[in-house]
C-alpha atoms as a PDB file:
ATOM      1  CA  MET A   1     -66.209   3.172 -76.653  1.00  0.00           C
ATOM      2  CA  ASN A   2     -67.195   6.468 -75.291  1.00  0.00           C
ATOM      3  CA  GLU A   3     -64.631   9.726 -74.218  1.00  0.00           C
ATOM      4  CA  THR A   4     -64.014   8.711 -71.253  1.00  0.00           C
ATOM      5  CA  HIS A   5     -63.535  10.719 -67.428  1.00  0.00           C
ATOM      6  CA  ILE A   6     -60.641   8.980 -67.222  1.00  0.00           C
ATOM      7  CA  GLN A   7     -57.654  12.025 -66.779  1.00  0.00           C
ATOM      8  CA  TRP A   8     -54.886   9.711 -68.878  1.00  0.00           C
ATOM      9  CA  ALA A   9     -56.884   8.890 -71.610  1.00  0.00           C
ATOM     10  CA  ASN A  10     -59.061  10.191 -74.134  1.00  0.00           C
ATOM     11  CA  TYR A  11     -61.141   6.933 -75.135  1.00  0.00           C
ATOM     12  CA  SER A  12     -62.423   3.706 -72.830  1.00  0.00           C
ATOM     13  CA  TRP A  13     -62.842   0.658 -75.039  1.00  0.00           C
ATOM     14  CA  ASN A  14     -64.062  -2.380 -73.832  1.00  0.00           C
ATOM     15  CA  PRO A  15     -64.374  -5.513 -76.471  1.00  0.00           C
ATOM     16  CA  TRP A  16     -65.228  -7.628 -73.755  1.00  0.00           C
ATOM     17  CA  THR A  17     -66.916  -6.835 -69.670  1.00  0.00           C
ATOM     18  CA  GLY A  18     -66.780  -8.155 -66.613  1.00  0.00           C
ATOM     19  CA  CYS A  19     -63.407  -9.956 -64.282  1.00  0.00           C
ATOM     20  CA  LYS A  20     -62.648 -11.607 -61.350  1.00  0.00           C
ATOM     21  CA  ARG A  21     -60.371  -9.912 -58.373  1.00  0.00           C
ATOM     22  CA  VAL A  22     -56.736 -10.821 -58.058  1.00  0.00           C
ATOM     23  CA  SER A  23     -55.425  -8.617 -55.140  1.00  0.00           C
ATOM     24  CA  ALA A  24     -56.679  -6.429 -52.137  1.00  0.00           C
ATOM     25  CA  GLY A  25     -56.220  -3.503 -55.166  1.00  0.00           C
ATOM     26  CA  CYS A  26     -59.361  -4.814 -56.859  1.00  0.00           C
ATOM     27  CA  ASP A  27     -62.087  -4.895 -53.619  1.00  0.00           C
ATOM     28  CA  PHE A  28     -63.718  -2.116 -54.363  1.00  0.00           C
ATOM     29  CA  CYS A  29     -63.515  -1.564 -57.807  1.00  0.00           C
ATOM     30  CA  TYR A  30     -65.848   0.626 -59.293  1.00  0.00           C
ATOM     31  CA  MET A  31     -66.088  -2.460 -62.491  1.00  0.00           C
ATOM     32  CA  HIS A  32     -68.186  -4.245 -59.890  1.00  0.00           C
ATOM     33  CA  ARG A  33     -70.338  -1.485 -58.776  1.00  0.00           C
ATOM     34  CA  ILE A  34     -70.792  -0.280 -62.328  1.00  0.00           C
ATOM     35  CA  MET A  35     -72.047  -3.659 -63.024  1.00  0.00           C
ATOM     36  CA  GLN A  36     -73.643  -5.001 -60.173  1.00  0.00           C
ATOM     37  CA  ASN A  37     -76.768  -5.690 -61.412  1.00  0.00           C
ATOM     38  CA  ASN A  38     -75.371  -7.436 -64.486  1.00  0.00           C
ATOM     39  CA  ASN A  39     -73.223 -10.549 -62.941  1.00  0.00           C
ATOM     40  CA  PRO A  40     -69.427  -8.524 -63.142  1.00  0.00           C
ATOM     41  CA  SER A  41     -68.096 -11.951 -62.575  1.00  0.00           C
ATOM     42  CA  ILE A  42     -68.872 -13.445 -65.877  1.00  0.00           C
ATOM     43  CA  VAL A  43     -66.588 -12.359 -68.576  1.00  0.00           C
ATOM     44  CA  ARG A  44     -68.758 -11.583 -71.738  1.00  0.00           C
ATOM     45  CA  ARG A  45     -67.408 -10.499 -75.495  1.00  0.00           C
ATOM     46  CA  ALA A  46     -68.971  -6.648 -76.548  1.00  0.00           C
ATOM     47  CA  THR A  47     -71.014  -6.408 -79.370  1.00  0.00           C
ATOM     48  CA  PRO A  48     -69.718  -6.519 -82.643  1.00  0.00           C
ATOM     49  CA  SER A  49     -70.692  -2.413 -82.905  1.00  0.00           C
ATOM     50  CA  GLN A  50     -68.685  -1.884 -79.386  1.00  0.00           C
ATOM     51  CA  PHE A  51     -65.691  -4.539 -80.547  1.00  0.00           C
ATOM     52  CA  MET A  52     -64.920  -2.343 -83.858  1.00  0.00           C
ATOM     53  CA  LYS A  53     -65.274   0.802 -82.602  1.00  0.00           C
ATOM     54  CA  PRO A  54     -61.906   2.307 -82.216  1.00  0.00           C
ATOM     55  CA  TYR A  55     -62.075   2.083 -86.416  1.00  0.00           C
ATOM     56  CA  GLY A  56     -65.039   5.125 -86.255  1.00  0.00           C
ATOM     57  CA  ILE A  57     -62.736   6.949 -83.516  1.00  0.00           C
ATOM     58  CA  ALA A  58     -61.267  10.127 -85.267  1.00  0.00           C
ATOM     59  CA  GLY A  59     -57.668  11.441 -84.996  1.00  0.00           C
ATOM     60  CA  ASN A  60     -54.893  10.187 -82.470  1.00  0.00           C
ATOM     61  CA  GLN A  61     -56.623   8.941 -79.543  1.00  0.00           C
ATOM     62  CA  LYS A  62     -55.294   7.510 -75.958  1.00  0.00           C
ATOM     63  CA  ILE A  63     -57.314   4.914 -75.580  1.00  0.00           C
ATOM     64  CA  PHE A  64     -57.634   2.491 -71.966  1.00  0.00           C
ATOM     65  CA  THR A  65     -57.969  -0.800 -73.012  1.00  0.00           C
ATOM     66  CA  CYS A  66     -60.640  -3.355 -71.003  1.00  0.00           C
ATOM     67  CA  SER A  67     -61.104  -0.301 -68.182  1.00  0.00           C
ATOM     68  CA  MET A  68     -64.091  -2.970 -67.073  1.00  0.00           C
ATOM     69  CA  SER A  69     -62.572  -5.561 -67.336  1.00  0.00           C
ATOM     70  CA  ASP A  70     -58.779  -7.261 -67.891  1.00  0.00           C
ATOM     71  CA  PHE A  71     -56.948  -7.716 -71.350  1.00  0.00           C
ATOM     72  CA  PHE A  72     -55.288 -10.456 -70.450  1.00  0.00           C
ATOM     73  CA  ILE A  73     -58.411 -12.910 -68.268  1.00  0.00           C
ATOM     74  CA  GLU A  74     -58.460 -16.306 -69.077  1.00  0.00           C
ATOM     75  CA  GLU A  75     -61.985 -16.086 -70.161  1.00  0.00           C
ATOM     76  CA  ALA A  76     -60.639 -13.722 -73.256  1.00  0.00           C
ATOM     77  CA  ASP A  77     -58.347 -15.770 -74.980  1.00  0.00           C
ATOM     78  CA  GLU A  78     -60.185 -16.830 -77.605  1.00  0.00           C
ATOM     79  CA  TRP A  79     -61.252 -12.737 -78.708  1.00  0.00           C
ATOM     80  CA  ARG A  80     -57.936 -11.390 -77.827  1.00  0.00           C
ATOM     81  CA  ASP A  81     -56.411 -11.952 -81.134  1.00  0.00           C
ATOM     82  CA  ASP A  82     -59.178 -10.572 -82.635  1.00  0.00           C
ATOM     83  CA  ALA A  83     -58.790  -7.459 -80.581  1.00  0.00           C
ATOM     84  CA  TRP A  84     -55.037  -7.288 -81.442  1.00  0.00           C
ATOM     85  CA  GLU A  85     -55.767  -7.070 -84.742  1.00  0.00           C
ATOM     86  CA  ILE A  86     -57.473  -3.965 -84.834  1.00  0.00           C
ATOM     87  CA  ILE A  87     -54.640  -2.813 -82.213  1.00  0.00           C
ATOM     88  CA  LYS A  88     -52.896  -2.960 -85.493  1.00  0.00           C
ATOM     89  CA  ASN A  89     -54.945  -1.435 -87.931  1.00  0.00           C
ATOM     90  CA  THR A  90     -55.286   1.524 -86.214  1.00  0.00           C
ATOM     91  CA  PRO A  91     -51.736   2.900 -85.255  1.00  0.00           C
ATOM     92  CA  GLN A  92     -52.673   6.357 -85.603  1.00  0.00           C
ATOM     93  CA  HIS A  93     -53.902   5.565 -81.698  1.00  0.00           C
ATOM     94  CA  THR A  94     -52.409   4.271 -78.498  1.00  0.00           C
ATOM     95  CA  TYR A  95     -53.723   1.570 -76.292  1.00  0.00           C
ATOM     96  CA  LEU A  96     -52.561   1.692 -72.641  1.00  0.00           C
ATOM     97  CA  ILE A  97     -53.901  -1.496 -71.963  1.00  0.00           C
ATOM     98  CA  LEU A  98     -52.979  -2.122 -67.997  1.00  0.00           C
ATOM     99  CA  THR A  99     -53.851  -5.106 -66.238  1.00  0.00           C
ATOM    100  CA  LYS A 100     -53.123  -7.344 -62.948  1.00  0.00           C
ATOM    101  CA  ARG A 101     -52.375 -10.338 -64.623  1.00  0.00           C
ATOM    102  CA  VAL A 102     -49.120  -9.307 -65.831  1.00  0.00           C
ATOM    103  CA  GLY A 103     -47.566 -12.806 -65.981  1.00  0.00           C
ATOM    104  CA  ARG A 104     -49.205 -13.256 -68.549  1.00  0.00           C
ATOM    105  CA  ILE A 105     -48.940 -11.171 -71.597  1.00  0.00           C
ATOM    106  CA  LYS A 106     -46.273 -12.368 -73.100  1.00  0.00           C
ATOM    107  CA  HIS A 107     -48.252 -15.423 -74.014  1.00  0.00           C
ATOM    108  CA  CYS A 108     -51.205 -13.946 -75.120  1.00  0.00           C
ATOM    109  CA  LEU A 109     -49.324 -11.136 -77.323  1.00  0.00           C
ATOM    110  CA  PRO A 110     -49.556 -11.472 -81.130  1.00  0.00           C
ATOM    111  CA  LYS A 111     -47.690 -13.511 -82.985  1.00  0.00           C
ATOM    112  CA  ASP A 112     -45.773 -10.797 -84.996  1.00  0.00           C
ATOM    113  CA  TRP A 113     -45.378  -9.180 -82.225  1.00  0.00           C
ATOM    114  CA  GLY A 114     -41.457 -10.275 -81.999  1.00  0.00           C
ATOM    115  CA  ILE A 115     -39.187  -8.514 -80.352  1.00  0.00           C
ATOM    116  CA  ASN A 116     -40.176  -4.658 -81.613  1.00  0.00           C
ATOM    117  CA  GLY A 117     -43.425  -5.456 -80.125  1.00  0.00           C
ATOM    118  CA  TYR A 118     -46.529  -2.653 -81.694  1.00  0.00           C
ATOM    119  CA  SER A 119     -45.427   1.098 -81.177  1.00  0.00           C
ATOM    120  CA  ASN A 120     -48.410   2.499 -80.291  1.00  0.00           C
ATOM    121  CA  VAL A 121     -48.667   0.228 -77.182  1.00  0.00           C
ATOM    122  CA  ILE A 122     -48.359   0.862 -73.657  1.00  0.00           C
ATOM    123  CA  LEU A 123     -48.314  -1.997 -71.453  1.00  0.00           C
ATOM    124  CA  GLY A 124     -48.841  -1.419 -67.948  1.00  0.00           C
ATOM    125  CA  THR A 125     -49.451  -3.296 -64.735  1.00  0.00           C
ATOM    126  CA  SER A 126     -51.384  -2.357 -61.896  1.00  0.00           C
ATOM    127  CA  ILE A 127     -49.379  -1.860 -58.047  1.00  0.00           C
ATOM    128  CA  GLU A 128     -51.655  -1.078 -55.051  1.00  0.00           C
ATOM    129  CA  ASP A 129     -49.141  -0.871 -52.310  1.00  0.00           C
ATOM    130  CA  GLN A 130     -45.447  -3.286 -51.779  1.00  0.00           C
ATOM    131  CA  SER A 131     -47.654  -6.549 -51.238  1.00  0.00           C
ATOM    132  CA  VAL A 132     -47.159  -6.789 -55.793  1.00  0.00           C
ATOM    133  CA  ILE A 133     -44.462  -4.948 -56.262  1.00  0.00           C
ATOM    134  CA  ASN A 134     -43.100  -8.433 -58.308  1.00  0.00           C
ATOM    135  CA  ARG A 135     -45.358  -7.055 -60.945  1.00  0.00           C
ATOM    136  CA  MET A 136     -43.280  -4.354 -62.120  1.00  0.00           C
ATOM    137  CA  VAL A 137     -40.149  -6.785 -62.619  1.00  0.00           C
ATOM    138  CA  ILE A 138     -42.303  -9.920 -64.451  1.00  0.00           C
ATOM    139  CA  LEU A 139     -43.210  -5.987 -66.926  1.00  0.00           C
ATOM    140  CA  SER A 140     -39.955  -5.415 -66.874  1.00  0.00           C
ATOM    141  CA  LYS A 141     -38.973  -8.064 -68.789  1.00  0.00           C
ATOM    142  CA  LEU A 142     -40.682  -8.053 -71.372  1.00  0.00           C
ATOM    143  CA  LYS A 143     -38.938  -5.178 -72.766  1.00  0.00           C
ATOM    144  CA  ASN A 144     -35.229  -4.709 -73.805  1.00  0.00           C
ATOM    145  CA  ALA A 145     -33.222  -2.249 -76.409  1.00  0.00           C
ATOM    146  CA  ASP A 146     -34.832  -2.816 -79.339  1.00  0.00           C
ATOM    147  CA  SER A 147     -38.574  -2.708 -77.993  1.00  0.00           C
ATOM    148  CA  HIS A 148     -40.904  -0.007 -79.367  1.00  0.00           C
ATOM    149  CA  PHE A 149     -43.803  -0.157 -77.126  1.00  0.00           C
ATOM    150  CA  LYS A 150     -43.422   1.106 -74.221  1.00  0.00           C
ATOM    151  CA  LEU A 151     -44.798  -0.015 -70.590  1.00  0.00           C
ATOM    152  CA  PHE A 152     -45.912   1.868 -67.502  1.00  0.00           C
ATOM    153  CA  ILE A 153     -47.037   1.462 -63.858  1.00  0.00           C
ATOM    154  CA  SER A 154     -51.004   2.521 -62.364  1.00  0.00           C
ATOM    155  CA  ALA A 155     -50.181   2.979 -58.484  1.00  0.00           C
ATOM    156  CA  GLU A 156     -54.339   2.983 -57.982  1.00  0.00           C
ATOM    157  CA  PRO A 157     -56.058   2.730 -56.173  1.00  0.00           C
ATOM    158  CA  LEU A 158     -52.417   3.389 -53.536  1.00  0.00           C
ATOM    159  CA  ILE A 159     -53.525   1.532 -50.616  1.00  0.00           C
ATOM    160  CA  GLY A 160     -49.840   1.464 -48.944  1.00  0.00           C
ATOM    161  CA  GLN A 161     -46.468   3.372 -49.008  1.00  0.00           C
ATOM    162  CA  ILE A 162     -44.734   1.553 -52.463  1.00  0.00           C
ATOM    163  CA  ASP A 163     -40.461   1.704 -52.666  1.00  0.00           C
ATOM    164  CA  PHE A 164     -39.692   1.447 -56.135  1.00  0.00           C
ATOM    165  CA  VAL A 165     -35.811   1.478 -55.585  1.00  0.00           C
ATOM    166  CA  GLN A 166     -35.920  -0.397 -52.216  1.00  0.00           C
ATOM    167  CA  ASN A 167     -33.372  -2.914 -53.827  1.00  0.00           C
ATOM    168  CA  SER A 168     -30.924  -2.905 -56.689  1.00  0.00           C
ATOM    169  CA  LYS A 169     -33.647  -5.683 -58.441  1.00  0.00           C
ATOM    170  CA  LEU A 170     -36.066  -3.513 -58.008  1.00  0.00           C
ATOM    171  CA  GLU A 171     -34.181  -0.219 -58.949  1.00  0.00           C
ATOM    172  CA  GLU A 172     -33.085  -2.008 -62.501  1.00  0.00           C
ATOM    173  CA  ALA A 173     -36.669  -2.429 -63.163  1.00  0.00           C
ATOM    174  CA  PHE A 174     -38.308   0.537 -62.577  1.00  0.00           C
ATOM    175  CA  LYS A 175     -35.602   2.236 -64.719  1.00  0.00           C
ATOM    176  CA  LYS A 176     -37.143   0.270 -67.862  1.00  0.00           C
ATOM    177  CA  MET A 177     -40.434   1.689 -67.442  1.00  0.00           C
ATOM    178  CA  ASP A 178     -41.903   4.755 -68.976  1.00  0.00           C
ATOM    179  CA  TRP A 179     -44.532   6.112 -67.751  1.00  0.00           C
ATOM    180  CA  ILE A 180     -46.006   6.063 -63.989  1.00  0.00           C
ATOM    181  CA  ILE A 181     -49.079   7.008 -62.783  1.00  0.00           C
ATOM    182  CA  ALA A 182     -50.809   7.084 -58.982  1.00  0.00           C
ATOM    183  CA  GLY A 183     -54.116   7.786 -57.459  1.00  0.00           C
ATOM    184  CA  GLY A 184     -56.008   7.865 -54.615  1.00  0.00           C
ATOM    185  CA  GLU A 185     -58.770   4.961 -54.275  1.00  0.00           C
ATOM    186  CA  SER A 186     -62.469   6.504 -54.665  1.00  0.00           C
ATOM    187  CA  GLY A 187     -65.398   5.064 -53.314  1.00  0.00           C
ATOM    188  CA  ASP A 188     -68.866   6.438 -51.357  1.00  0.00           C
ATOM    189  CA  ALA A 189     -67.954   5.687 -48.000  1.00  0.00           C
ATOM    190  CA  PRO A 190     -64.706   5.142 -45.512  1.00  0.00           C
ATOM    191  CA  VAL A 191     -63.684   1.674 -45.198  1.00  0.00           C
ATOM    192  CA  GLY A 192     -65.768   0.129 -42.716  1.00  0.00           C
ATOM    193  CA  THR A 193     -68.646   1.932 -42.929  1.00  0.00           C
ATOM    194  CA  PRO A 194     -71.721   0.244 -41.458  1.00  0.00           C
ATOM    195  CA  GLY A 195     -74.460  -0.971 -45.040  1.00  0.00           C
ATOM    196  CA  ILE A 196     -71.578   0.416 -47.786  1.00  0.00           C
ATOM    197  CA  LYS A 197     -70.393  -2.001 -50.191  1.00  0.00           C
ATOM    198  CA  TYR A 198     -68.130  -0.014 -51.895  1.00  0.00           C
ATOM    199  CA  CYS A 199     -65.455   2.358 -49.727  1.00  0.00           C
ATOM    200  CA  TYR A 200     -62.339   3.790 -49.895  1.00  0.00           C
ATOM    201  CA  ARG A 201     -59.517   3.744 -47.889  1.00  0.00           C
ATOM    202  CA  PRO A 202     -56.878   6.191 -46.356  1.00  0.00           C
ATOM    203  CA  CYS A 203     -53.623   7.383 -49.033  1.00  0.00           C
ATOM    204  CA  ASP A 204     -51.253   9.779 -47.721  1.00  0.00           C
ATOM    205  CA  LEU A 205     -49.535  12.074 -49.012  1.00  0.00           C
ATOM    206  CA  LYS A 206     -46.297  10.912 -47.922  1.00  0.00           C
ATOM    207  CA  TRP A 207     -46.485   7.528 -49.911  1.00  0.00           C
ATOM    208  CA  ILE A 208     -47.210   9.931 -52.866  1.00  0.00           C
ATOM    209  CA  LYS A 209     -44.233  12.050 -52.635  1.00  0.00           C
ATOM    210  CA  LYS A 210     -42.072   9.160 -52.519  1.00  0.00           C
ATOM    211  CA  ILE A 211     -43.140   8.239 -55.896  1.00  0.00           C
ATOM    212  CA  ILE A 212     -42.979  11.160 -57.047  1.00  0.00           C
ATOM    213  CA  VAL A 213     -39.237  11.433 -55.946  1.00  0.00           C
ATOM    214  CA  ASP A 214     -38.474   7.983 -56.929  1.00  0.00           C
ATOM    215  CA  CYS A 215     -39.976   9.521 -60.481  1.00  0.00           C
ATOM    216  CA  ASN A 216     -37.371  12.002 -60.430  1.00  0.00           C
ATOM    217  CA  GLN A 217     -34.527  10.527 -59.624  1.00  0.00           C
ATOM    218  CA  TYR A 218     -34.686   7.658 -62.753  1.00  0.00           C
ATOM    219  CA  LYS A 219     -36.218  10.757 -65.235  1.00  0.00           C
ATOM    220  CA  ILE A 220     -39.316   8.542 -65.408  1.00  0.00           C
ATOM    221  CA  PRO A 221     -42.520  10.715 -66.291  1.00  0.00           C
ATOM    222  CA  PHE A 222     -45.196  10.953 -63.581  1.00  0.00           C
ATOM    223  CA  PHE A 223     -49.279  12.010 -63.495  1.00  0.00           C
ATOM    224  CA  LEU A 224     -51.256  11.876 -60.509  1.00  0.00           C
ATOM    225  CA  LYS A 225     -54.691  11.363 -61.544  1.00  0.00           C
ATOM    226  CA  GLN A 226     -56.318  11.898 -58.067  1.00  0.00           C
ATOM    227  CA  VAL A 227     -55.255  12.133 -54.486  1.00  0.00           C
ATOM    228  CA  GLY A 228     -58.909   9.824 -53.795  1.00  0.00           C
ATOM    229  CA  ASN A 229     -61.545  10.077 -51.636  1.00  0.00           C
ATOM    230  CA  HIS A 230     -60.037  10.340 -47.918  1.00  0.00           C
ATOM    231  CA  LEU A 231     -56.905  12.909 -48.511  1.00  0.00           C
ATOM    232  CA  ALA A 232     -60.268  14.941 -50.596  1.00  0.00           C
ATOM    233  CA  ARG A 233     -62.114  14.971 -46.960  1.00  0.00           C
ATOM    234  CA  TYR A 234     -59.252  15.545 -45.108  1.00  0.00           C
ATOM    235  CA  LEU A 235     -57.900  19.016 -47.235  1.00  0.00           C
ATOM    236  CA  ASN A 236     -61.915  19.822 -47.415  1.00  0.00           C
ATOM    237  CA  LEU A 237     -61.074  19.610 -51.221  1.00  0.00           C
ATOM    238  CA  THR A 238     -64.286  20.782 -53.330  1.00  0.00           C
ATOM    239  CA  ASP A 239     -63.883  17.707 -55.689  1.00  0.00           C
ATOM    240  CA  LYS A 240     -64.821  14.398 -53.435  1.00  0.00           C
ATOM    241  CA  LYS A 241     -62.370  12.775 -55.410  1.00  0.00           C
ATOM    242  CA  GLY A 242     -59.537  14.967 -55.440  1.00  0.00           C
ATOM    243  CA  GLY A 243     -58.996  14.876 -58.917  1.00  0.00           C
ATOM    244  CA  ASP A 244     -58.879  18.909 -59.495  1.00  0.00           C
ATOM    245  CA  ILE A 245     -55.205  19.666 -60.399  1.00  0.00           C
ATOM    246  CA  ASN A 246     -55.915  23.203 -59.406  1.00  0.00           C
ATOM    247  CA  GLU A 247     -56.912  22.664 -55.607  1.00  0.00           C
ATOM    248  CA  TRP A 248     -53.740  20.668 -55.047  1.00  0.00           C
ATOM    249  CA  ASP A 249     -50.018  21.317 -53.539  1.00  0.00           C
ATOM    250  CA  PRO A 250     -47.857  23.257 -56.580  1.00  0.00           C
ATOM    251  CA  ASP A 251     -45.228  20.204 -55.584  1.00  0.00           C
ATOM    252  CA  TYR A 252     -48.577  17.282 -55.979  1.00  0.00           C
ATOM    253  CA  GLN A 253     -49.574  18.890 -59.652  1.00  0.00           C
ATOM    254  CA  ILE A 254     -47.807  17.272 -62.269  1.00  0.00           C
ATOM    255  CA  ARG A 255     -49.364  15.370 -64.879  1.00  0.00           C
ATOM    256  CA  LEU A 256     -46.973  14.601 -67.184  1.00  0.00           C
ATOM    257  CA  TRP A 257     -47.164  11.917 -70.088  1.00  0.00           C
ATOM    258  CA  PRO A 258     -44.422   9.365 -71.381  1.00  0.00           C
END
């Protein structure tokens, strides 16, 4: 585990690495770029020292869990109980568990999760555009009034407009969310550039603004991680990924926590 450059976490922890693409948001995933010389589609358990690393982290930290995989990927089923045990035994840390396999969550929770869950866990799903908005509905069904855990959404890479309250079904699901993160895509060059494997797709400030409006309406904390390479280039920002909050218009300088 190392300190992370991801703005919404203090550390990242990877009890296993490797993943498989499931939707358009995965097309230019950084994990595949980082692990391109080590067959990133093969899921591997970490070494014992890396697997147990949370025990050695001091203080109360926000830990992005499985930044190089998916916590609920099928290939990790035999190891997940061991990871849950570590999470349970380190209640001083907050574990941010983000997945695109949201339909598997309820089948992969620890036996003692019960109704309340673990209070040091924030379960989340990635939503890159409206086509996968149903992930939020599935996620929302995990939580009830007695739940001690929180739910979040990562709208990153944001590659299309998202309307979280398009209808009453989505509105009810959205109101159960405790935190929304958004961010534009990063990459080596604009999508379609010849010879470039890891590209970035356009992001529109209007899409980000719509999410901010939805969050404000329902008093859900919002966190803008970065505007992405496309907007950074368009706005002539110094930070190529558009991650320097001081370069943004004040209306977008929002980094709230749940």
